[in-house]
Structure formats: C-alpha cells, structure tokens
C-alpha cells in the first residue's frame, strides 16, 4: 500500500496547518533615539584581566648535559636488543620445561 502526498495531508492535517504569522516588533523611536545618543556604540562588556605568566628562570644546571643525551641515544639499540633477547629466552624457557 502506497501513500501519496494527498493521503498524507488527510492523515496528518496538523503538520500541514497554515503557520501563524509572527508579529515582528518594529523599532521604537525611543530605542532608536537612545542608540543615536550613545553614538551607536554597543554596551561595554566587562574585560577579563590579562594574566601575566612568569617566564621560566633557567639556570645552567637545569639544561641537560649533551653528553648524557648522546650516550642514552647510543645505548638505545643495545637496550632494545637486550629486551628482545630476554623475551625470546623467556619463551624458550617455557617451552623447554614442557
């Protein structure tokens, strides 16, 4: 069974009712005069104070030593290899016990 648009309008008349025209208020003279007296400016909004962020005070001792960083970077492949070897040995040890 198919419903055409005419049937739909008959079944649901409230959806096809003529919508009431909304009355739009026209600007009143008092409002326009006040706006012109203000110079056309909008109302001032309260301003938030700008928070001052203290600049970090770095000392020489706080900077990382480049030699330490280099050593850590050089040791990374060795550490990764040790981790892989440990994982393989753990699996081998479990299988050897069976």
C-alpha atoms as a PDB file:
ATOM      1  CA  UNK A   1       0.000   0.000   0.000  1.00  0.00           C
ATOM      2  CA  UNK A   2       1.435   3.315  -1.030  1.00  0.00           C
ATOM      3  CA  UNK A   3       0.567   6.672   0.448  1.00  0.00           C
ATOM      4  CA  UNK A   4       0.568   9.701  -1.791  1.00  0.00           C
ATOM      5  CA  UNK A   5       1.000  13.281  -0.673  1.00  0.00           C
ATOM      6  CA  UNK A   6      -2.772  13.899  -0.697  1.00  0.00           C
ATOM      7  CA  UNK A   7      -3.355  10.956   1.648  1.00  0.00           C
ATOM      8  CA  UNK A   8      -0.573  12.157   3.907  1.00  0.00           C
ATOM      9  CA  UNK A   9      -2.220  15.574   4.204  1.00  0.00           C
ATOM     10  CA  UNK A  10      -5.519  13.923   5.123  1.00  0.00           C
ATOM     11  CA  UNK A  11      -3.950  11.570   7.671  1.00  0.00           C
ATOM     12  CA  UNK A  12      -1.817  14.216   9.387  1.00  0.00           C
ATOM     13  CA  UNK A  13      -3.576  17.566   8.989  1.00  0.00           C
ATOM     14  CA  UNK A  14      -1.754  19.174  11.939  1.00  0.00           C
ATOM     15  CA  UNK A  15       1.532  19.059  10.061  1.00  0.00           C
ATOM     16  CA  UNK A  16       0.074  20.941   7.105  1.00  0.00           C
ATOM     17  CA  UNK A  17      -1.735  23.627   9.058  1.00  0.00           C
ATOM     18  CA  UNK A  18      -1.082  27.173   7.995  1.00  0.00           C
ATOM     19  CA  UNK A  19       1.524  28.590  10.315  1.00  0.00           C
ATOM     20  CA  UNK A  20       0.618  31.639  12.274  1.00  0.00           C
ATOM     21  CA  UNK A  21       2.368  34.763  11.164  1.00  0.00           C
ATOM     22  CA  UNK A  22       4.595  36.000  13.915  1.00  0.00           C
ATOM     23  CA  UNK A  23       4.391  39.685  14.622  1.00  0.00           C
ATOM     24  CA  UNK A  24       7.701  41.373  14.410  1.00  0.00           C
ATOM     25  CA  UNK A  25       8.037  44.468  16.502  1.00  0.00           C
ATOM     26  CA  UNK A  26       9.308  47.452  14.643  1.00  0.00           C
ATOM     27  CA  UNK A  27      11.993  49.507  16.345  1.00  0.00           C
ATOM     28  CA  UNK A  28      10.502  52.125  18.563  1.00  0.00           C
ATOM     29  CA  UNK A  29      11.527  55.742  18.330  1.00  0.00           C
ATOM     30  CA  UNK A  30      12.745  55.743  21.951  1.00  0.00           C
ATOM     31  CA  UNK A  31      15.145  52.871  21.238  1.00  0.00           C
ATOM     32  CA  UNK A  32      16.462  54.482  18.069  1.00  0.00           C
ATOM     33  CA  UNK A  33      16.953  57.838  19.780  1.00  0.00           C
ATOM     34  CA  UNK A  34      18.843  56.209  22.640  1.00  0.00           C
ATOM     35  CA  UNK A  35      21.079  54.339  20.224  1.00  0.00           C
ATOM     36  CA  UNK A  36      21.855  57.521  18.334  1.00  0.00           C
ATOM     37  CA  UNK A  37      22.538  59.400  21.574  1.00  0.00           C
ATOM     38  CA  UNK A  38      25.095  56.752  22.565  1.00  0.00           C
ATOM     39  CA  UNK A  39      26.916  57.297  19.310  1.00  0.00           C
ATOM     40  CA  UNK A  40      25.856  53.893  18.047  1.00  0.00           C
ATOM     41  CA  UNK A  41      28.174  52.060  20.435  1.00  0.00           C
ATOM     42  CA  UNK A  42      27.209  48.758  21.915  1.00  0.00           C
ATOM     43  CA  UNK A  43      27.239  48.135  25.638  1.00  0.00           C
ATOM     44  CA  UNK A  44      30.687  47.634  27.120  1.00  0.00           C
ATOM     45  CA  UNK A  45      31.355  44.111  28.254  1.00  0.00           C
ATOM     46  CA  UNK A  46      33.447  43.506  31.360  1.00  0.00           C
ATOM     47  CA  UNK A  47      37.067  42.847  30.430  1.00  0.00           C
ATOM     48  CA  UNK A  48      38.993  39.979  31.972  1.00  0.00           C
ATOM     49  CA  UNK A  49      42.375  40.962  33.330  1.00  0.00           C
ATOM     50  CA  UNK A  50      45.277  39.598  31.339  1.00  0.00           C
ATOM     51  CA  UNK A  51      47.094  37.051  33.449  1.00  0.00           C
ATOM     52  CA  UNK A  52      50.811  37.591  33.479  1.00  0.00           C
ATOM     53  CA  UNK A  53      52.698  34.357  33.019  1.00  0.00           C
ATOM     54  CA  UNK A  54      56.050  34.330  34.779  1.00  0.00           C
ATOM     55  CA  UNK A  55      58.904  33.467  32.454  1.00  0.00           C
ATOM     56  CA  UNK A  56      60.804  30.347  33.468  1.00  0.00           C
ATOM     57  CA  UNK A  57      64.130  31.114  35.055  1.00  0.00           C
ATOM     58  CA  UNK A  58      66.571  28.606  33.549  1.00  0.00           C
ATOM     59  CA  UNK A  59      69.926  28.040  35.106  1.00  0.00           C
ATOM     60  CA  UNK A  60      72.850  26.235  33.561  1.00  0.00           C
ATOM     61  CA  UNK A  61      72.333  23.274  35.898  1.00  0.00           C
ATOM     62  CA  UNK A  62      68.819  22.688  34.601  1.00  0.00           C
ATOM     63  CA  UNK A  63      69.815  22.143  30.977  1.00  0.00           C
ATOM     64  CA  UNK A  64      70.502  18.505  30.086  1.00  0.00           C
ATOM     65  CA  UNK A  65      74.097  17.559  29.501  1.00  0.00           C
ATOM     66  CA  UNK A  66      74.549  16.823  25.769  1.00  0.00           C
ATOM     67  CA  UNK A  67      76.991  14.011  26.580  1.00  0.00           C
ATOM     68  CA  UNK A  68      74.331  12.214  28.627  1.00  0.00           C
ATOM     69  CA  UNK A  69      71.841  12.550  25.798  1.00  0.00           C
ATOM     70  CA  UNK A  70      74.346  11.177  23.297  1.00  0.00           C
ATOM     71  CA  UNK A  71      75.173   8.197  25.496  1.00  0.00           C
ATOM     72  CA  UNK A  72      71.468   7.458  26.022  1.00  0.00           C
ATOM     73  CA  UNK A  73      70.824   7.590  22.267  1.00  0.00           C
ATOM     74  CA  UNK A  74      73.814   5.336  21.584  1.00  0.00           C
ATOM     75  CA  UNK A  75      72.619   2.750  24.119  1.00  0.00           C
ATOM     76  CA  UNK A  76      69.029   2.574  22.820  1.00  0.00           C
ATOM     77  CA  UNK A  77      69.693  -0.154  20.181  1.00  0.00           C
ATOM     78  CA  UNK A  78      71.557  -2.229  22.761  1.00  0.00           C
ATOM     79  CA  UNK A  79      68.720  -1.893  25.265  1.00  0.00           C
ATOM     80  CA  UNK A  80      66.174  -2.848  22.595  1.00  0.00           C
ATOM     81  CA  UNK A  81      68.261  -5.894  21.643  1.00  0.00           C
ATOM     82  CA  UNK A  82      68.507  -6.969  25.285  1.00  0.00           C
ATOM     83  CA  UNK A  83      64.726  -6.668  25.637  1.00  0.00           C
ATOM     84  CA  UNK A  84      64.167  -8.803  22.541  1.00  0.00           C
ATOM     85  CA  UNK A  85      66.693 -11.385  23.743  1.00  0.00           C
ATOM     86  CA  UNK A  86      65.032 -11.583  27.147  1.00  0.00           C
ATOM     87  CA  UNK A  87      61.620 -12.102  25.535  1.00  0.00           C
ATOM     88  CA  UNK A  88      62.997 -14.890  23.330  1.00  0.00           C
ATOM     89  CA  UNK A  89      64.730 -16.576  26.261  1.00  0.00           C
ATOM     90  CA  UNK A  90      61.538 -16.416  28.323  1.00  0.00           C
ATOM     91  CA  UNK A  91      59.588 -18.170  25.561  1.00  0.00           C
ATOM     92  CA  UNK A  92      62.399 -20.717  25.081  1.00  0.00           C
ATOM     93  CA  UNK A  93      62.487 -21.399  28.836  1.00  0.00           C
ATOM     94  CA  UNK A  94      58.741 -22.034  28.960  1.00  0.00           C
ATOM     95  CA  UNK A  95      58.912 -24.440  26.029  1.00  0.00           C
ATOM     96  CA  UNK A  96      61.952 -26.252  27.448  1.00  0.00           C
ATOM     97  CA  UNK A  97      60.088 -27.038  30.690  1.00  0.00           C
ATOM     98  CA  UNK A  98      57.315 -28.903  28.884  1.00  0.00           C
END
